[in-house]
């Protein structure tokens, strides 16, 4: 499928592609080699509270020890 760049450097995605990503309004754009890669992104409101984050963690089955272990792993120094 072709997408044409406008004079304002904008691209319009073909309907066939857009219908594969319902309810997605934003995409992260990166260059990989000679290709443009678009990744769907969900924008989180700035007013997201810590309580909302904790509720989501509970729904996903993530407990505080899991977070502690993940932070410890991420902070390990690479030698």
C-alpha atoms as a PDB file:
ATOM      1  CA  UNK A   1       0.000   0.000   0.000  1.00  0.00           C
ATOM      2  CA  UNK A   2       1.197   3.485  -0.762  1.00  0.00           C
ATOM      3  CA  UNK A   3       1.116   6.499   1.532  1.00  0.00           C
ATOM      4  CA  UNK A   4       1.938   9.884   0.026  1.00  0.00           C
ATOM      5  CA  UNK A   5       3.803  12.591   1.909  1.00  0.00           C
ATOM      6  CA  UNK A   6       2.051  15.968   1.729  1.00  0.00           C
ATOM      7  CA  UNK A   7       3.703  19.376   1.292  1.00  0.00           C
ATOM      8  CA  UNK A   8       3.468  19.716   5.089  1.00  0.00           C
ATOM      9  CA  UNK A   9       5.412  16.448   5.607  1.00  0.00           C
ATOM     10  CA  UNK A  10       2.350  14.530   6.762  1.00  0.00           C
ATOM     11  CA  UNK A  11       1.341  10.975   5.863  1.00  0.00           C
ATOM     12  CA  UNK A  12      -2.175   9.626   5.620  1.00  0.00           C
ATOM     13  CA  UNK A  13      -2.413   5.969   6.542  1.00  0.00           C
ATOM     14  CA  UNK A  14      -4.484   3.772   4.227  1.00  0.00           C
ATOM     15  CA  UNK A  15      -7.868   2.648   5.600  1.00  0.00           C
ATOM     16  CA  UNK A  16      -6.800  -1.009   5.435  1.00  0.00           C
ATOM     17  CA  UNK A  17      -3.995  -0.293   7.900  1.00  0.00           C
ATOM     18  CA  UNK A  18      -5.962   2.014  10.199  1.00  0.00           C
ATOM     19  CA  UNK A  19      -8.757  -0.524  10.661  1.00  0.00           C
ATOM     20  CA  UNK A  20      -6.190  -2.930  12.163  1.00  0.00           C
ATOM     21  CA  UNK A  21      -5.670  -0.439  15.032  1.00  0.00           C
ATOM     22  CA  UNK A  22      -9.103   0.558  16.341  1.00  0.00           C
ATOM     23  CA  UNK A  23      -9.134   3.230  19.037  1.00  0.00           C
ATOM     24  CA  UNK A  24      -5.483   4.174  18.383  1.00  0.00           C
ATOM     25  CA  UNK A  25      -4.825   7.852  17.701  1.00  0.00           C
ATOM     26  CA  UNK A  26      -1.075   8.063  18.296  1.00  0.00           C
ATOM     27  CA  UNK A  27       1.905   6.165  16.912  1.00  0.00           C
ATOM     28  CA  UNK A  28       5.567   6.312  17.882  1.00  0.00           C
ATOM     29  CA  UNK A  29       7.631   6.791  14.714  1.00  0.00           C
ATOM     30  CA  UNK A  30      11.203   5.482  14.426  1.00  0.00           C
ATOM     31  CA  UNK A  31      13.649   4.944  11.596  1.00  0.00           C
ATOM     32  CA  UNK A  32      15.105   1.436  11.361  1.00  0.00           C
ATOM     33  CA  UNK A  33      17.568   1.139   8.512  1.00  0.00           C
ATOM     34  CA  UNK A  34      15.705   2.479   5.489  1.00  0.00           C
ATOM     35  CA  UNK A  35      12.244   1.840   6.981  1.00  0.00           C
ATOM     36  CA  UNK A  36       9.849   3.961   9.026  1.00  0.00           C
ATOM     37  CA  UNK A  37       8.385   1.892  11.870  1.00  0.00           C
ATOM     38  CA  UNK A  38       5.117   3.007  13.506  1.00  0.00           C
ATOM     39  CA  UNK A  39       4.183   1.563  16.899  1.00  0.00           C
ATOM     40  CA  UNK A  40       0.751   2.202  18.452  1.00  0.00           C
ATOM     41  CA  UNK A  41       0.926   4.263  21.651  1.00  0.00           C
ATOM     42  CA  UNK A  42      -1.651   4.746  24.399  1.00  0.00           C
ATOM     43  CA  UNK A  43      -1.398   8.153  26.032  1.00  0.00           C
ATOM     44  CA  UNK A  44      -1.880   8.136  29.818  1.00  0.00           C
ATOM     45  CA  UNK A  45      -3.518  11.236  31.310  1.00  0.00           C
ATOM     46  CA  UNK A  46      -1.294  13.369  33.542  1.00  0.00           C
ATOM     47  CA  UNK A  47      -3.835  13.143  36.336  1.00  0.00           C
ATOM     48  CA  UNK A  48      -3.358   9.397  36.725  1.00  0.00           C
ATOM     49  CA  UNK A  49      -3.173   8.783  40.445  1.00  0.00           C
ATOM     50  CA  UNK A  50      -0.969   6.360  42.320  1.00  0.00           C
ATOM     51  CA  UNK A  51      -4.159   4.600  43.407  1.00  0.00           C
ATOM     52  CA  UNK A  52      -5.116   3.977  39.765  1.00  0.00           C
ATOM     53  CA  UNK A  53      -1.643   2.554  39.146  1.00  0.00           C
ATOM     54  CA  UNK A  54      -1.937   0.269  42.182  1.00  0.00           C
ATOM     55  CA  UNK A  55      -5.354  -0.936  40.994  1.00  0.00           C
ATOM     56  CA  UNK A  56      -3.931  -1.778  37.578  1.00  0.00           C
ATOM     57  CA  UNK A  57      -1.011  -3.616  39.181  1.00  0.00           C
ATOM     58  CA  UNK A  58      -3.467  -5.652  41.256  1.00  0.00           C
ATOM     59  CA  UNK A  59      -5.482  -6.527  38.137  1.00  0.00           C
ATOM     60  CA  UNK A  60      -2.263  -7.675  36.450  1.00  0.00           C
ATOM     61  CA  UNK A  61      -1.176  -9.677  39.491  1.00  0.00           C
ATOM     62  CA  UNK A  62       1.905  -7.546  40.150  1.00  0.00           C
ATOM     63  CA  UNK A  63       2.823  -7.305  43.832  1.00  0.00           C
ATOM     64  CA  UNK A  64       5.214  -4.903  45.598  1.00  0.00           C
ATOM     65  CA  UNK A  65       7.971  -7.544  45.849  1.00  0.00           C
ATOM     66  CA  UNK A  66       7.789  -7.922  42.049  1.00  0.00           C
ATOM     67  CA  UNK A  67       8.344  -4.182  41.636  1.00  0.00           C
ATOM     68  CA  UNK A  68      11.170  -4.184  44.168  1.00  0.00           C
ATOM     69  CA  UNK A  69      12.864  -7.078  42.341  1.00  0.00           C
ATOM     70  CA  UNK A  70      12.405  -5.362  38.975  1.00  0.00           C
ATOM     71  CA  UNK A  71      13.950  -2.120  40.243  1.00  0.00           C
ATOM     72  CA  UNK A  72      16.842  -4.041  41.815  1.00  0.00           C
ATOM     73  CA  UNK A  73      17.422  -5.890  38.527  1.00  0.00           C
ATOM     74  CA  UNK A  74      17.279  -2.659  36.487  1.00  0.00           C
ATOM     75  CA  UNK A  75      19.740  -0.891  38.772  1.00  0.00           C
ATOM     76  CA  UNK A  76      22.387  -3.623  38.566  1.00  0.00           C
ATOM     77  CA  UNK A  77      25.646  -2.299  37.225  1.00  0.00           C
ATOM     78  CA  UNK A  78      26.826  -3.862  34.033  1.00  0.00           C
ATOM     79  CA  UNK A  79      30.466  -4.797  34.197  1.00  0.00           C
END
